[in-house]
Amino acid sequence: MFAFMAEYGWLWVLLAVINANIAASNRRSPIAWFLLSLAIGPFATVILLLRPAPPLETKSPAPLSGTTD
């Protein structure tokens, strides 16, 4: 078991880094997804790829002060 992790564990960490980049591009927390990917690995990749990105929050511009209609 430990020999397997020593030999292929770097792939798991690489996948976690890739998932963090995917999460950041989808406006999600890269640190949270990195840690989640360390725990559940490829399943986190599937979740990231299947869930749509959260919508952008649009704020209306503040009115200019001192202007009258």
Protein backbone atom coordinates (compact mmCIF):
# COMPACT_ATOMS: atom_id res chain seq x y z
CA MET A 1 0.00 0.00 0.00
CA PHE A 2 2.68 2.50 0.98
CA ALA A 3 4.82 1.49 -1.99
CA PHE A 4 1.89 2.27 -4.27
CA MET A 5 1.44 5.71 -2.69
CA ALA A 6 5.15 6.44 -2.88
CA GLU A 7 5.17 5.53 -6.55
CA TYR A 8 1.86 7.04 -7.71
CA GLY A 9 0.98 9.52 -4.96
CA TRP A 10 2.41 12.39 -6.98
CA LEU A 11 -0.30 11.77 -9.60
CA TRP A 12 -2.97 12.26 -6.92
CA VAL A 13 -1.38 15.57 -5.89
CA LEU A 14 -1.05 16.63 -9.54
CA LEU A 15 -4.74 15.91 -10.07
CA ALA A 16 -5.54 18.03 -6.99
CA VAL A 17 -3.54 20.93 -8.46
CA ILE A 18 -5.34 20.56 -11.80
CA ASN A 19 -8.69 20.51 -10.00
CA ALA A 20 -7.75 23.68 -8.10
CA ASN A 21 -7.06 25.39 -11.43
CA ILE A 22 -10.37 24.20 -12.86
CA ALA A 23 -12.14 25.45 -9.73
CA ALA A 24 -10.49 28.86 -9.98
CA SER A 25 -11.53 29.20 -13.62
CA ASN A 26 -15.12 28.36 -12.57
CA ARG A 27 -15.13 31.03 -9.82
CA ARG A 28 -14.90 28.48 -7.01
CA SER A 29 -12.48 28.27 -4.09
CA PRO A 30 -9.27 26.66 -5.39
CA ILE A 31 -7.97 25.86 -1.90
CA ALA A 32 -11.17 24.09 -0.89
CA TRP A 33 -11.22 22.09 -4.12
CA PHE A 34 -7.52 21.23 -3.76
CA LEU A 35 -8.17 19.79 -0.30
CA LEU A 36 -11.33 18.03 -1.45
CA SER A 37 -9.41 16.55 -4.38
CA LEU A 38 -6.77 15.18 -2.04
CA ALA A 39 -9.57 13.37 -0.22
CA ILE A 40 -11.73 12.09 -3.09
CA GLY A 41 -9.45 12.47 -6.12
CA PRO A 42 -11.02 11.82 -9.53
CA PHE A 43 -14.54 12.12 -8.12
CA ALA A 44 -13.84 15.80 -7.44
CA THR A 45 -12.85 16.20 -11.10
CA VAL A 46 -16.16 14.73 -12.22
CA ILE A 47 -18.07 17.02 -9.86
CA LEU A 48 -16.17 20.09 -11.08
CA LEU A 49 -16.75 19.26 -14.72
CA LEU A 50 -20.45 18.45 -14.37
CA ARG A 51 -21.54 21.36 -12.14
CA PRO A 52 -21.99 24.70 -13.86
CA ALA A 53 -20.10 27.74 -12.62
CA PRO A 54 -22.00 29.95 -10.18
CA PRO A 55 -23.59 33.02 -11.77
CA LEU A 56 -21.77 36.32 -11.68
CA GLU A 57 -23.15 38.80 -9.20
CA THR A 58 -24.06 41.98 -11.02
CA LYS A 59 -24.38 45.17 -9.08
CA SER A 60 -26.07 48.25 -10.43
CA PRO A 61 -23.78 51.26 -10.57
CA ALA A 62 -24.14 53.77 -7.77
CA PRO A 63 -25.84 57.01 -8.79
CA LEU A 64 -23.61 60.02 -9.15
CA SER A 65 -23.93 62.36 -6.20
CA GLY A 66 -24.88 65.95 -6.78
CA THR A 67 -26.81 65.36 -9.99
CA THR A 68 -30.47 66.16 -10.41
CA ASP A 69 -32.94 64.99 -12.98
